[in-house]
Each structure stands twice: as C-alpha cells, then as structure tokens.
C-alpha cells in the first residue's frame, strides 16, 4: 500500500520557498497592503516560509521558534478587510501561476491560502 504524501512533500520545500519569494515580489509594490509590512520584508518573508512549511505538513520550526501560529490573533493589529485580503490573494495567485509543481497541488495550495486569507478579515 502506498503512503499518502503531505502537500509539503508533493510540492517540495524549494518550491514553497520560491513561491514565497515570488509572492513578496508583488507585496513590495502594493500601495494598499505594503504599509502593513515592516520596511525590511526579509523577517516577514522568512516567517511565512516557515509557517507554510509547517502548515503544509513539513517540519515544525515555526511553532518551535514562535509558538502556536494563532494567525488571526497575530494579524489583528492591522485592519484587514475584503480589499486587503483580495490584494494579498492577488499576489499569492500570481506567485502560484509562476510555480512549476502539479496543478492539483496548486489547487490544494490555493484552497488553503484562500481560506486563510478570508479568515484574516477583521474589519
């Protein structure tokens, strides 16, 4: 019997890291949501990489270093409405379009980040 692989295993860590880099290329020039990020994007980029690795079934470095993800709570300091979530998703979708892993895994990844973005809406 074959073992069921996690989304992390199917996508691969290198693809996740590249996806986050491509995502932040879009964030860098977004007039609406860029102000929510620190001037230096590298720490935020690294946190998202560790978070996605863990959330998709990889190692638990994010929790080991930062504790429970508590996504909504960690983001509550910013007003996130539908427009902000849409901008965030636009950049994630553009990064996903550049990705080279399987379409079924892109669909699964998109479902995850879409639900997470909707969950972050707090205003």
Protein backbone atom coordinates (compact mmCIF):
# COMPACT_ATOMS: atom_id res chain seq x y z
CA UNK A 1 0.00 0.00 0.00
CA UNK A 2 1.36 3.46 -0.87
CA UNK A 3 1.80 6.11 1.78
CA UNK A 4 -0.23 9.31 1.41
CA UNK A 5 2.10 12.26 1.00
CA UNK A 6 1.54 15.66 2.58
CA UNK A 7 1.12 18.72 0.41
CA UNK A 8 4.56 19.78 1.66
CA UNK A 9 6.05 16.54 0.31
CA UNK A 10 4.19 16.83 -3.01
CA UNK A 11 5.12 20.48 -3.60
CA UNK A 12 8.63 20.31 -2.16
CA UNK A 13 10.34 22.80 0.10
CA UNK A 14 12.28 24.52 -2.69
CA UNK A 15 9.01 25.27 -4.49
CA UNK A 16 7.47 26.66 -1.30
CA UNK A 17 10.48 28.92 -0.75
CA UNK A 18 10.32 30.16 -4.35
CA UNK A 19 6.57 30.72 -4.11
CA UNK A 20 7.03 32.94 -1.05
CA UNK A 21 9.84 34.89 -2.74
CA UNK A 22 7.61 35.47 -5.78
CA UNK A 23 4.69 36.44 -3.52
CA UNK A 24 6.79 39.08 -1.76
CA UNK A 25 7.90 40.50 -5.12
CA UNK A 26 4.26 41.50 -5.56
CA UNK A 27 3.81 42.72 -2.00
CA UNK A 28 6.81 45.01 -2.35
CA UNK A 29 4.98 47.33 -4.74
CA UNK A 30 1.41 47.05 -3.46
CA UNK A 31 0.28 50.50 -2.32
CA UNK A 32 -2.60 49.18 -0.23
CA UNK A 33 -1.03 46.40 1.82
CA UNK A 34 2.71 47.16 1.70
CA UNK A 35 2.33 49.61 4.62
CA UNK A 36 1.21 46.70 6.82
CA UNK A 37 4.65 45.15 6.49
CA UNK A 38 7.91 46.29 8.10
CA UNK A 39 10.36 48.24 5.97
CA UNK A 40 12.60 45.18 5.82
CA UNK A 41 10.50 42.40 4.32
CA UNK A 42 13.02 39.63 5.00
CA UNK A 43 11.79 38.70 8.52
CA UNK A 44 8.16 38.55 7.36
CA UNK A 45 9.19 36.53 4.32
CA UNK A 46 11.10 34.05 6.47
CA UNK A 47 8.16 33.69 8.88
CA UNK A 48 5.78 32.94 6.00
CA UNK A 49 8.19 30.34 4.64
CA UNK A 50 8.41 28.57 7.99
CA UNK A 51 4.66 28.84 8.52
CA UNK A 52 3.81 27.34 5.13
CA UNK A 53 6.35 24.55 5.51
CA UNK A 54 4.69 23.58 8.78
CA UNK A 55 1.10 24.17 7.70
CA UNK A 56 1.55 22.01 4.61
CA UNK A 57 2.99 19.09 6.57
CA UNK A 58 6.69 19.79 6.90
CA UNK A 59 8.89 20.38 9.91
CA UNK A 60 7.53 22.35 12.88
CA UNK A 61 10.21 25.03 13.06
CA UNK A 62 7.61 27.81 13.04
CA UNK A 63 5.98 26.56 16.24
CA UNK A 64 9.33 25.74 17.82
CA UNK A 65 10.53 29.31 17.27
CA UNK A 66 7.33 31.35 17.59
CA UNK A 67 4.76 29.21 19.39
CA UNK A 68 1.29 28.37 18.11
CA UNK A 69 0.59 30.18 14.82
CA UNK A 70 -2.57 31.98 16.06
CA UNK A 71 -2.89 33.57 12.62
CA UNK A 72 -5.92 35.73 13.22
CA UNK A 73 -4.61 36.96 16.57
CA UNK A 74 -1.16 37.78 15.17
CA UNK A 75 -2.76 39.84 12.39
CA UNK A 76 -5.44 41.57 14.43
CA UNK A 77 -3.29 44.69 14.86
CA UNK A 78 -4.00 45.56 11.22
CA UNK A 79 -7.35 46.38 9.70
CA UNK A 80 -7.88 43.68 7.13
CA UNK A 81 -10.97 44.00 5.02
CA UNK A 82 -12.06 42.29 1.82
CA UNK A 83 -9.96 44.65 -0.27
CA UNK A 84 -6.77 43.90 1.68
CA UNK A 85 -7.45 40.17 1.55
CA UNK A 86 -8.07 40.42 -2.20
CA UNK A 87 -4.75 42.19 -2.73
CA UNK A 88 -2.94 39.56 -0.66
CA UNK A 89 -4.60 36.79 -2.66
CA UNK A 90 -3.78 38.52 -5.95
CA UNK A 91 -0.07 38.35 -5.15
CA UNK A 92 -0.31 34.77 -3.93
CA UNK A 93 -2.17 33.80 -7.11
CA UNK A 94 0.47 35.48 -9.29
CA UNK A 95 3.20 33.57 -7.44
CA UNK A 96 1.25 30.35 -7.82
CA UNK A 97 0.89 30.95 -11.57
CA UNK A 98 4.70 31.04 -11.83
CA UNK A 99 5.08 27.83 -9.83
CA UNK A 100 6.05 24.65 -11.65
CA UNK A 101 4.51 21.95 -9.45
CA UNK A 102 1.41 19.90 -10.33
CA UNK A 103 -1.87 21.67 -11.00
CA UNK A 104 -3.76 19.52 -8.48
CA UNK A 105 -1.26 20.61 -5.82
CA UNK A 106 -1.61 24.24 -6.91
CA UNK A 107 -5.37 23.85 -6.45
CA UNK A 108 -4.91 22.38 -2.97
CA UNK A 109 -2.47 25.12 -2.02
CA UNK A 110 -4.82 27.81 -3.34
CA UNK A 111 -7.71 26.41 -1.32
CA UNK A 112 -5.59 26.58 1.82
CA UNK A 113 -4.35 30.16 1.34
CA UNK A 114 -7.76 31.36 0.16
CA UNK A 115 -9.42 30.09 3.34
CA UNK A 116 -6.60 31.57 5.44
CA UNK A 117 -6.98 34.99 3.78
CA UNK A 118 -10.74 35.00 4.35
CA UNK A 119 -10.15 34.03 7.98
CA UNK A 120 -7.89 37.08 8.45
CA UNK A 121 -10.64 39.58 7.58
CA UNK A 122 -11.37 41.57 10.72
CA UNK A 123 -13.00 44.77 9.52
